[in-house]
């Protein structure tokens, strides 16, 4: 496929030079940056900051990066709110806790207000205690041959790494370990 693109661009008529003059106000490498951005977006949605970081890693100039981000936002190819909604939905399926998801969104460069807004909507129909209880039961069933105190510590640590609230985790782990 790339050989075809090279062939087309090589055989492209040059004209009288007017086309290149009309394009001169665009920063050099803009088309490559857009192409790379579209390639990244083809695999999954990305936040504005994440996309800018990947473009910087490819050594595009700041002007090209800003122009590319502006273009993608204008055409609605990137939208941090849409990205956050998709990220939260995919991470809840894994399942991860809201504090871990919040932390991941912050690392992806989303603003605090967007994170709080999206998580507030999720909290309306999300029961952390049910999810923690289900995961803890599954984990305890895998650790039947292990000393109870050690199993309890492992389940607690597992659930904390997944980003669930310490109060909820402690309550459910204690309840399940006492009942077994």
N, C-alpha and C. Protein backbone atom coordinates (compact mmCIF):
# COMPACT_ATOMS: atom_id res chain seq x y z
N UNK A 1 0.82 -1.19 0.00
CA UNK A 1 0.00 0.00 0.00
C UNK A 1 0.87 1.25 0.00
N UNK A 2 1.93 1.26 0.83
CA UNK A 2 2.78 2.45 0.89
C UNK A 2 3.49 2.69 -0.44
N UNK A 3 3.78 1.61 -1.19
CA UNK A 3 4.43 1.79 -2.49
C UNK A 3 3.50 2.51 -3.44
N UNK A 4 2.18 2.28 -3.29
CA UNK A 4 1.21 2.94 -4.15
C UNK A 4 1.16 4.44 -3.84
N UNK A 5 1.19 4.78 -2.58
CA UNK A 5 1.16 6.19 -2.18
C UNK A 5 2.40 6.90 -2.70
N UNK A 6 3.56 6.25 -2.54
CA UNK A 6 4.80 6.85 -3.05
C UNK A 6 4.73 7.06 -4.56
N UNK A 7 4.18 6.06 -5.26
CA UNK A 7 4.09 6.14 -6.71
C UNK A 7 3.17 7.29 -7.13
N UNK A 8 2.06 7.43 -6.44
CA UNK A 8 1.10 8.49 -6.77
C UNK A 8 1.73 9.86 -6.52
N UNK A 9 2.39 10.02 -5.36
CA UNK A 9 2.99 11.32 -5.06
C UNK A 9 4.16 11.64 -5.97
N UNK A 10 4.88 10.62 -6.43
CA UNK A 10 6.00 10.85 -7.35
C UNK A 10 5.50 11.29 -8.71
N UNK A 11 4.39 10.72 -9.16
CA UNK A 11 3.86 11.02 -10.48
C UNK A 11 2.87 12.17 -10.47
N UNK A 12 2.69 12.81 -9.35
CA UNK A 12 1.75 13.91 -9.22
C UNK A 12 2.25 15.11 -10.03
N UNK A 13 1.39 15.70 -10.87
CA UNK A 13 1.83 16.87 -11.64
C UNK A 13 2.13 18.04 -10.73
N UNK A 14 3.18 18.78 -11.02
CA UNK A 14 3.63 19.88 -10.18
C UNK A 14 2.87 21.17 -10.45
N UNK A 15 2.34 21.36 -11.63
CA UNK A 15 1.59 22.57 -11.96
C UNK A 15 2.50 23.77 -12.05
N UNK A 16 1.93 24.96 -11.83
CA UNK A 16 2.71 26.18 -11.98
C UNK A 16 3.25 26.71 -10.65
N UNK A 17 3.14 25.95 -9.63
CA UNK A 17 3.70 26.36 -8.34
C UNK A 17 2.70 27.07 -7.46
N UNK A 18 1.51 27.36 -7.96
CA UNK A 18 0.52 28.08 -7.16
C UNK A 18 0.02 27.22 -6.00
N UNK A 19 -0.11 25.93 -6.24
CA UNK A 19 -0.61 25.05 -5.18
C UNK A 19 0.34 25.03 -4.00
N UNK A 20 1.65 25.02 -4.27
CA UNK A 20 2.60 24.99 -3.17
C UNK A 20 2.61 26.33 -2.43
N UNK A 21 2.37 27.43 -3.13
CA UNK A 21 2.33 28.72 -2.47
C UNK A 21 1.10 28.85 -1.57
N UNK A 22 -0.03 28.27 -1.98
CA UNK A 22 -1.23 28.37 -1.17
C UNK A 22 -1.11 27.51 0.08
N UNK A 23 -0.25 26.53 0.05
CA UNK A 23 -0.06 25.64 1.19
C UNK A 23 1.05 26.14 2.12
N UNK A 24 1.75 27.20 1.75
CA UNK A 24 2.94 27.61 2.48
C UNK A 24 2.64 28.12 3.90
N UNK A 25 1.40 28.52 4.17
CA UNK A 25 1.08 28.99 5.51
C UNK A 25 0.95 27.84 6.51
N UNK A 26 0.86 26.61 6.02
CA UNK A 26 0.77 25.44 6.90
C UNK A 26 2.16 25.05 7.36
N UNK A 27 2.32 24.72 8.63
CA UNK A 27 3.62 24.28 9.13
C UNK A 27 4.08 23.00 8.42
N UNK A 28 5.39 22.88 8.26
CA UNK A 28 5.95 21.72 7.59
C UNK A 28 5.70 20.47 8.43
N UNK A 29 5.27 19.38 7.79
CA UNK A 29 5.03 18.12 8.48
C UNK A 29 3.60 17.97 8.99
N UNK A 30 2.73 18.93 8.67
CA UNK A 30 1.36 18.88 9.17
C UNK A 30 0.62 17.64 8.68
N UNK A 31 0.77 17.32 7.41
CA UNK A 31 0.07 16.15 6.86
C UNK A 31 0.57 14.87 7.51
N UNK A 32 1.88 14.78 7.74
CA UNK A 32 2.43 13.59 8.41
C UNK A 32 1.90 13.48 9.84
N UNK A 33 1.83 14.60 10.53
CA UNK A 33 1.34 14.61 11.90
C UNK A 33 -0.13 14.19 11.94
N UNK A 34 -0.91 14.72 11.03
CA UNK A 34 -2.33 14.32 10.97
C UNK A 34 -2.46 12.85 10.66
N UNK A 35 -1.66 12.38 9.74
CA UNK A 35 -1.69 10.95 9.39
C UNK A 35 -1.34 10.08 10.58
N UNK A 36 -0.32 10.48 11.32
CA UNK A 36 0.08 9.73 12.51
C UNK A 36 -1.02 9.78 13.58
N UNK A 37 -1.63 10.95 13.75
CA UNK A 37 -2.72 11.09 14.73
C UNK A 37 -3.90 10.20 14.35
N UNK A 38 -4.24 10.16 13.08
CA UNK A 38 -5.34 9.29 12.63
C UNK A 38 -4.99 7.83 12.84
N UNK A 39 -3.73 7.48 12.63
CA UNK A 39 -3.29 6.11 12.87
C UNK A 39 -3.50 5.74 14.34
N UNK A 40 -3.11 6.63 15.24
CA UNK A 40 -3.29 6.37 16.67
C UNK A 40 -4.77 6.27 17.04
N UNK A 41 -5.57 7.15 16.47
CA UNK A 41 -7.00 7.17 16.78
C UNK A 41 -7.74 5.97 16.18
N UNK A 42 -7.13 5.35 15.21
CA UNK A 42 -7.74 4.17 14.58
C UNK A 42 -7.83 3.01 15.58
N UNK A 43 -6.86 2.95 16.49
CA UNK A 43 -6.81 1.84 17.44
C UNK A 43 -7.69 2.06 18.66
N UNK A 44 -7.71 3.29 19.17
CA UNK A 44 -8.58 3.63 20.30
C UNK A 44 -8.65 5.14 20.44
N UNK A 45 -9.67 5.59 21.18
CA UNK A 45 -9.79 7.02 21.45
C UNK A 45 -8.62 7.45 22.32
N UNK A 46 -8.25 8.71 22.20
CA UNK A 46 -7.14 9.24 22.99
C UNK A 46 -7.51 10.63 23.48
N UNK A 47 -6.92 10.99 24.61
CA UNK A 47 -7.14 12.33 25.14
C UNK A 47 -6.25 13.30 24.36
N UNK A 48 -6.57 14.57 24.50
CA UNK A 48 -5.80 15.62 23.82
C UNK A 48 -4.34 15.58 24.26
N UNK A 49 -4.12 15.49 25.57
CA UNK A 49 -2.75 15.47 26.10
C UNK A 49 -1.98 14.23 25.62
N UNK A 50 -2.66 13.10 25.63
CA UNK A 50 -2.03 11.85 25.22
C UNK A 50 -1.60 11.92 23.75
N UNK A 51 -2.45 12.47 22.92
CA UNK A 51 -2.14 12.59 21.50
C UNK A 51 -0.98 13.57 21.28
N UNK A 52 -0.99 14.68 22.00
CA UNK A 52 0.10 15.66 21.88
C UNK A 52 1.43 15.04 22.32
N UNK A 53 1.39 14.25 23.37
CA UNK A 53 2.60 13.59 23.85
C UNK A 53 3.16 12.63 22.81
N UNK A 54 2.30 11.86 22.18
CA UNK A 54 2.75 10.91 21.16
C UNK A 54 3.33 11.65 19.95
N UNK A 55 2.74 12.78 19.59
CA UNK A 55 3.27 13.57 18.49
C UNK A 55 4.64 14.17 18.86
N UNK A 56 4.80 14.58 20.11
CA UNK A 56 6.10 15.10 20.56
C UNK A 56 7.17 14.00 20.50
N UNK A 57 6.78 12.79 20.86
CA UNK A 57 7.71 11.67 20.82
C UNK A 57 8.19 11.40 19.39
N UNK A 58 7.37 11.74 18.43
CA UNK A 58 7.74 11.57 17.02
C UNK A 58 8.50 12.78 16.48
N UNK A 59 8.81 13.72 17.38
CA UNK A 59 9.64 14.89 17.05
C UNK A 59 8.96 15.89 16.10
N UNK A 60 7.64 16.00 16.17
CA UNK A 60 6.95 17.04 15.41
C UNK A 60 7.12 18.36 16.16
N UNK A 61 7.14 19.46 15.43
CA UNK A 61 7.30 20.77 16.07
C UNK A 61 6.04 21.13 16.86
N UNK A 62 6.20 22.04 17.81
CA UNK A 62 5.05 22.47 18.62
C UNK A 62 3.96 23.09 17.77
N UNK A 63 4.35 23.85 16.75
CA UNK A 63 3.36 24.48 15.87
C UNK A 63 2.54 23.41 15.14
N UNK A 64 3.20 22.38 14.66
CA UNK A 64 2.51 21.29 13.96
C UNK A 64 1.60 20.54 14.93
N UNK A 65 2.09 20.31 16.13
CA UNK A 65 1.28 19.59 17.13
C UNK A 65 0.02 20.40 17.46
N UNK A 66 0.19 21.69 17.72
CA UNK A 66 -0.96 22.53 18.05
C UNK A 66 -1.96 22.60 16.91
N UNK A 67 -1.46 22.74 15.70
CA UNK A 67 -2.34 22.80 14.51
C UNK A 67 -3.08 21.47 14.34
N UNK A 68 -2.39 20.37 14.55
CA UNK A 68 -3.01 19.04 14.42
C UNK A 68 -4.10 18.85 15.47
N UNK A 69 -3.79 19.19 16.72
CA UNK A 69 -4.76 19.06 17.81
C UNK A 69 -5.98 19.94 17.54
N UNK A 70 -5.73 21.16 17.11
CA UNK A 70 -6.82 22.09 16.79
C UNK A 70 -7.71 21.51 15.69
N UNK A 71 -7.10 21.00 14.65
CA UNK A 71 -7.85 20.40 13.54
C UNK A 71 -8.70 19.23 14.03
N UNK A 72 -8.11 18.34 14.82
CA UNK A 72 -8.82 17.16 15.30
C UNK A 72 -9.96 17.53 16.24
N UNK A 73 -9.77 18.56 17.06
CA UNK A 73 -10.84 19.01 17.95
C UNK A 73 -11.96 19.66 17.15
N UNK A 74 -11.58 20.47 16.18
CA UNK A 74 -12.55 21.17 15.34
C UNK A 74 -13.44 20.18 14.59
N UNK A 75 -12.84 19.11 14.09
CA UNK A 75 -13.57 18.08 13.34
C UNK A 75 -14.16 17.00 14.25
N UNK A 76 -14.02 17.19 15.58
CA UNK A 76 -14.56 16.29 16.60
C UNK A 76 -14.00 14.87 16.54
N UNK A 77 -12.73 14.76 16.16
CA UNK A 77 -12.07 13.47 16.22
C UNK A 77 -11.53 13.19 17.63
N UNK A 78 -11.24 14.26 18.37
CA UNK A 78 -10.86 14.10 19.77
C UNK A 78 -11.75 14.99 20.62
N UNK A 79 -12.19 14.42 21.72
CA UNK A 79 -13.03 15.12 22.69
C UNK A 79 -12.77 14.45 24.04
N UNK A 80 -12.22 15.19 24.97
CA UNK A 80 -11.83 14.60 26.25
C UNK A 80 -13.01 14.01 27.01
N UNK A 81 -14.20 14.59 26.89
CA UNK A 81 -15.37 14.04 27.58
C UNK A 81 -15.77 12.68 27.00
N UNK A 82 -15.77 12.58 25.70
CA UNK A 82 -16.11 11.31 25.04
C UNK A 82 -15.05 10.26 25.38
N UNK A 83 -13.79 10.68 25.35
CA UNK A 83 -12.70 9.77 25.72
C UNK A 83 -12.90 9.26 27.15
N UNK A 84 -13.20 10.17 28.08
CA UNK A 84 -13.37 9.79 29.49
C UNK A 84 -14.52 8.82 29.66
N UNK A 85 -15.63 9.05 28.98
CA UNK A 85 -16.77 8.14 29.08
C UNK A 85 -16.40 6.75 28.59
N UNK A 86 -15.73 6.68 27.47
CA UNK A 86 -15.31 5.39 26.93
C UNK A 86 -14.30 4.70 27.83
N UNK A 87 -13.35 5.46 28.38
CA UNK A 87 -12.33 4.89 29.25
C UNK A 87 -12.97 4.32 30.51
N UNK A 88 -13.87 5.09 31.12
CA UNK A 88 -14.54 4.65 32.35
C UNK A 88 -15.35 3.38 32.07
N UNK A 89 -16.09 3.36 30.98
CA UNK A 89 -16.89 2.17 30.65
C UNK A 89 -16.01 0.93 30.47
N UNK A 90 -14.89 1.09 29.78
CA UNK A 90 -14.02 -0.07 29.56
C UNK A 90 -13.34 -0.52 30.85
N UNK A 91 -12.98 0.40 31.71
CA UNK A 91 -12.30 0.05 32.96
C UNK A 91 -13.26 -0.55 33.98
N UNK A 92 -14.51 -0.15 33.95
CA UNK A 92 -15.49 -0.75 34.87
C UNK A 92 -15.78 -2.20 34.49
N UNK A 93 -15.63 -2.53 33.23
CA UNK A 93 -15.84 -3.91 32.79
C UNK A 93 -14.73 -4.83 33.27
N UNK A 94 -13.56 -4.29 33.58
CA UNK A 94 -12.38 -5.10 33.92
C UNK A 94 -12.51 -5.88 35.21
N UNK A 95 -12.99 -5.57 36.31
CA UNK A 95 -13.46 -4.32 36.87
C UNK A 95 -12.38 -3.64 37.73
N UNK A 96 -12.34 -2.33 37.64
CA UNK A 96 -11.46 -1.51 38.46
C UNK A 96 -12.30 -0.57 39.30
N UNK A 97 -11.74 -0.11 40.39
CA UNK A 97 -12.42 0.82 41.28
C UNK A 97 -12.36 2.24 40.75
N UNK A 98 -13.24 3.06 41.27
CA UNK A 98 -13.34 4.44 40.80
C UNK A 98 -12.10 5.27 41.10
N UNK A 99 -11.42 4.99 42.20
CA UNK A 99 -10.22 5.78 42.51
C UNK A 99 -9.10 5.48 41.51
N UNK A 100 -8.97 4.22 41.10
CA UNK A 100 -7.95 3.90 40.10
C UNK A 100 -8.31 4.52 38.75
N UNK A 101 -9.58 4.45 38.39
CA UNK A 101 -10.02 5.02 37.12
C UNK A 101 -9.78 6.53 37.12
N UNK A 102 -10.08 7.17 38.23
CA UNK A 102 -9.86 8.61 38.36
C UNK A 102 -8.39 8.94 38.19
N UNK A 103 -7.54 8.16 38.81
CA UNK A 103 -6.09 8.36 38.72
C UNK A 103 -5.61 8.17 37.28
N UNK A 104 -6.11 7.15 36.60
CA UNK A 104 -5.72 6.89 35.20
C UNK A 104 -6.14 8.05 34.30
N UNK A 105 -7.34 8.57 34.52
CA UNK A 105 -7.80 9.70 33.71
C UNK A 105 -6.95 10.94 33.92
N UNK A 106 -6.52 11.15 35.16
CA UNK A 106 -5.64 12.29 35.45
C UNK A 106 -4.30 12.12 34.73
N UNK A 107 -3.78 10.90 34.72
CA UNK A 107 -2.52 10.63 34.02
C UNK A 107 -2.69 10.85 32.51
N UNK A 108 -3.87 10.58 31.99
CA UNK A 108 -4.13 10.77 30.57
C UNK A 108 -4.31 12.25 30.22
N UNK A 109 -4.30 13.10 31.23
CA UNK A 109 -4.32 14.54 30.99
C UNK A 109 -5.69 15.18 31.02
N UNK A 110 -6.67 14.51 31.58
CA UNK A 110 -8.01 15.10 31.65
C UNK A 110 -8.10 16.03 32.85
N UNK A 111 -8.89 17.06 32.69
CA UNK A 111 -9.09 18.03 33.76
C UNK A 111 -9.91 17.44 34.90
N UNK A 112 -9.68 17.99 36.10
CA UNK A 112 -10.37 17.51 37.29
C UNK A 112 -11.89 17.59 37.16
N UNK A 113 -12.36 18.68 36.54
CA UNK A 113 -13.81 18.86 36.42
C UNK A 113 -14.43 17.81 35.50
N UNK A 114 -13.75 17.42 34.45
CA UNK A 114 -14.26 16.37 33.54
C UNK A 114 -14.30 15.04 34.27
N UNK A 115 -13.23 14.73 35.00
CA UNK A 115 -13.17 13.47 35.74
C UNK A 115 -14.29 13.40 36.76
N UNK A 116 -14.47 14.46 37.52
CA UNK A 116 -15.52 14.48 38.55
C UNK A 116 -16.90 14.35 37.93
N UNK A 117 -17.12 15.03 36.82
CA UNK A 117 -18.42 14.97 36.15
C UNK A 117 -18.75 13.55 35.68
N UNK A 118 -17.79 12.91 35.03
CA UNK A 118 -18.01 11.56 34.50
C UNK A 118 -18.21 10.56 35.63
N UNK A 119 -17.37 10.64 36.66
CA UNK A 119 -17.49 9.71 37.78
C UNK A 119 -18.76 9.93 38.59
N UNK A 120 -19.24 11.16 38.66
CA UNK A 120 -20.50 11.44 39.37
C UNK A 120 -21.66 10.74 38.66
N UNK A 121 -21.63 10.76 37.33
CA UNK A 121 -22.67 10.07 36.56
C UNK A 121 -22.60 8.56 36.78
N UNK A 122 -21.41 8.03 36.86
CA UNK A 122 -21.22 6.58 37.03
C UNK A 122 -21.70 6.14 38.41
N UNK A 123 -21.42 6.94 39.43
CA UNK A 123 -21.77 6.59 40.81
C UNK A 123 -23.27 6.41 41.00
N UNK A 124 -24.07 7.03 40.13
CA UNK A 124 -25.52 6.94 40.25
C UNK A 124 -26.01 5.50 40.10
N UNK A 125 -25.33 4.69 39.29
CA UNK A 125 -25.81 3.33 39.05
C UNK A 125 -24.72 2.27 39.28
N UNK A 126 -23.72 2.61 40.05
CA UNK A 126 -22.59 1.71 40.30
C UNK A 126 -22.54 1.36 41.78
N UNK A 127 -22.51 0.06 42.06
CA UNK A 127 -22.43 -0.39 43.45
C UNK A 127 -21.06 -1.01 43.68
N UNK A 128 -20.18 -0.24 44.29
CA UNK A 128 -18.82 -0.72 44.53
C UNK A 128 -18.82 -1.93 45.45
N UNK A 129 -19.69 -1.94 46.44
CA UNK A 129 -19.69 -3.05 47.40
C UNK A 129 -20.07 -4.37 46.72
N UNK A 130 -20.97 -4.34 45.76
CA UNK A 130 -21.33 -5.57 45.03
C UNK A 130 -20.16 -6.09 44.22
N UNK A 131 -19.47 -5.19 43.54
CA UNK A 131 -18.33 -5.57 42.71
C UNK A 131 -17.21 -6.12 43.59
N UNK A 132 -16.92 -5.43 44.69
CA UNK A 132 -15.86 -5.87 45.60
C UNK A 132 -16.21 -7.22 46.20
N UNK A 133 -17.44 -7.40 46.59
CA UNK A 133 -17.88 -8.66 47.17
C UNK A 133 -17.70 -9.82 46.18
N UNK A 134 -18.11 -9.61 44.96
CA UNK A 134 -17.98 -10.64 43.94
C UNK A 134 -16.50 -10.98 43.68
N UNK A 135 -15.66 -9.97 43.53
CA UNK A 135 -14.24 -10.20 43.30
C UNK A 135 -13.57 -10.88 44.50
N UNK A 136 -13.94 -10.47 45.70
CA UNK A 136 -13.36 -11.06 46.91
C UNK A 136 -13.74 -12.53 47.02
N UNK A 137 -14.98 -12.85 46.75
CA UNK A 137 -15.41 -14.26 46.79
C UNK A 137 -14.62 -15.10 45.79
N UNK A 138 -14.47 -14.58 44.57
CA UNK A 138 -13.70 -15.30 43.56
C UNK A 138 -12.26 -15.51 44.01
N UNK A 139 -11.68 -14.48 44.58
CA UNK A 139 -10.28 -14.56 45.00
C UNK A 139 -10.10 -15.51 46.17
N UNK A 140 -11.01 -15.45 47.14
CA UNK A 140 -10.92 -16.38 48.28
C UNK A 140 -11.06 -17.83 47.82
N UNK A 141 -11.91 -18.07 46.83
CA UNK A 141 -12.09 -19.46 46.36
C UNK A 141 -10.81 -19.99 45.72
N UNK A 142 -10.00 -19.12 45.13
CA UNK A 142 -8.72 -19.53 44.54
C UNK A 142 -7.66 -19.80 45.61
N UNK A 143 -7.83 -19.20 46.76
CA UNK A 143 -6.81 -19.27 47.81
C UNK A 143 -7.22 -20.18 48.96
N UNK A 144 -7.97 -21.25 48.69
CA UNK A 144 -8.48 -22.12 49.75
C UNK A 144 -7.39 -22.86 50.51
N UNK A 145 -6.32 -23.24 49.85
CA UNK A 145 -5.27 -24.01 50.52
C UNK A 145 -4.29 -23.17 51.32
N UNK A 146 -4.48 -21.88 51.35
CA UNK A 146 -3.55 -20.97 52.02
C UNK A 146 -4.07 -20.62 53.41
N UNK A 147 -3.15 -20.36 54.31
CA UNK A 147 -3.48 -19.93 55.66
C UNK A 147 -4.47 -18.75 55.60
N UNK A 148 -5.54 -18.76 56.40
CA UNK A 148 -6.60 -17.74 56.30
C UNK A 148 -6.11 -16.29 56.42
N UNK A 149 -5.18 -16.03 57.31
CA UNK A 149 -4.69 -14.65 57.48
C UNK A 149 -3.92 -14.19 56.25
N UNK A 150 -3.16 -15.10 55.66
CA UNK A 150 -2.40 -14.79 54.45
C UNK A 150 -3.34 -14.57 53.27
N UNK A 151 -4.37 -15.41 53.17
CA UNK A 151 -5.36 -15.26 52.10
C UNK A 151 -6.09 -13.93 52.23
N UNK A 152 -6.43 -13.57 53.46
CA UNK A 152 -7.12 -12.30 53.70
C UNK A 152 -6.25 -11.13 53.27
N UNK A 153 -4.97 -11.16 53.60
CA UNK A 153 -4.04 -10.10 53.22
C UNK A 153 -3.90 -10.02 51.70
N UNK A 154 -3.83 -11.16 51.04
CA UNK A 154 -3.69 -11.17 49.58
C UNK A 154 -4.93 -10.62 48.88
N UNK A 155 -6.09 -10.99 49.36
CA UNK A 155 -7.34 -10.50 48.76
C UNK A 155 -7.46 -9.00 48.98
N UNK A 156 -7.13 -8.56 50.18
CA UNK A 156 -7.18 -7.13 50.49
C UNK A 156 -6.24 -6.35 49.56
N UNK A 157 -5.01 -6.82 49.43
CA UNK A 157 -4.03 -6.15 48.57
C UNK A 157 -4.48 -6.15 47.11
N UNK A 158 -5.03 -7.26 46.66
CA UNK A 158 -5.51 -7.36 45.27
C UNK A 158 -6.59 -6.31 45.00
N UNK A 159 -7.55 -6.21 45.89
CA UNK A 159 -8.65 -5.27 45.71
C UNK A 159 -8.18 -3.82 45.82
N UNK A 160 -7.22 -3.57 46.67
CA UNK A 160 -6.68 -2.21 46.78
C UNK A 160 -5.93 -1.81 45.51
N UNK A 161 -5.18 -2.75 44.92
CA UNK A 161 -4.47 -2.47 43.67
C UNK A 161 -5.44 -2.16 42.54
N UNK A 162 -6.62 -2.72 42.62
CA UNK A 162 -7.63 -2.48 41.60
C UNK A 162 -8.36 -1.15 41.80
N UNK A 163 -8.06 -0.46 42.89
CA UNK A 163 -8.56 0.89 43.08
C UNK A 163 -9.89 1.02 43.80
N UNK A 164 -10.23 0.02 44.61
CA UNK A 164 -11.48 0.13 45.36
C UNK A 164 -11.22 0.84 46.68
N UNK A 165 -12.28 1.39 47.27
CA UNK A 165 -12.16 2.16 48.50
C UNK A 165 -11.71 1.26 49.66
N UNK A 166 -10.76 1.73 50.46
CA UNK A 166 -10.24 0.93 51.58
C UNK A 166 -11.32 0.52 52.58
N UNK A 167 -12.28 1.41 52.83
CA UNK A 167 -13.35 1.08 53.77
C UNK A 167 -14.20 -0.08 53.27
N UNK A 168 -14.59 0.00 52.00
CA UNK A 168 -15.42 -1.06 51.41
C UNK A 168 -14.66 -2.37 51.36
N UNK A 169 -13.41 -2.31 50.93
CA UNK A 169 -12.59 -3.52 50.84
C UNK A 169 -12.42 -4.15 52.21
N UNK A 170 -12.05 -3.36 53.22
CA UNK A 170 -11.84 -3.88 54.56
C UNK A 170 -13.10 -4.53 55.12
N UNK A 171 -14.22 -3.86 54.95
CA UNK A 171 -15.49 -4.39 55.47
C UNK A 171 -15.84 -5.72 54.83
N UNK A 172 -15.75 -5.80 53.52
CA UNK A 172 -16.16 -7.01 52.80
C UNK A 172 -15.16 -8.14 53.02
N UNK A 173 -13.88 -7.84 53.01
CA UNK A 173 -12.87 -8.89 53.23
C UNK A 173 -13.01 -9.46 54.64
N UNK A 174 -13.23 -8.60 55.62
CA UNK A 174 -13.44 -9.09 57.00
C UNK A 174 -14.69 -9.95 57.09
N UNK A 175 -15.75 -9.51 56.46
CA UNK A 175 -17.01 -10.27 56.50
C UNK A 175 -16.84 -11.64 55.85
N UNK A 176 -16.21 -11.68 54.69
CA UNK A 176 -16.03 -12.94 53.97
C UNK A 176 -15.04 -13.86 54.66
N UNK A 177 -13.98 -13.31 55.23
CA UNK A 177 -12.97 -14.15 55.88
C UNK A 177 -13.49 -14.70 57.20
N UNK A 178 -14.35 -13.94 57.89
CA UNK A 178 -14.94 -14.43 59.14
C UNK A 178 -15.98 -15.51 58.86
N UNK A 179 -16.65 -15.39 57.76
CA UNK A 179 -17.70 -16.34 57.40
C UNK A 179 -17.17 -17.65 56.85
N UNK A 180 -15.92 -17.74 56.53
CA UNK A 180 -15.37 -18.96 55.91
C UNK A 180 -14.68 -19.81 56.93
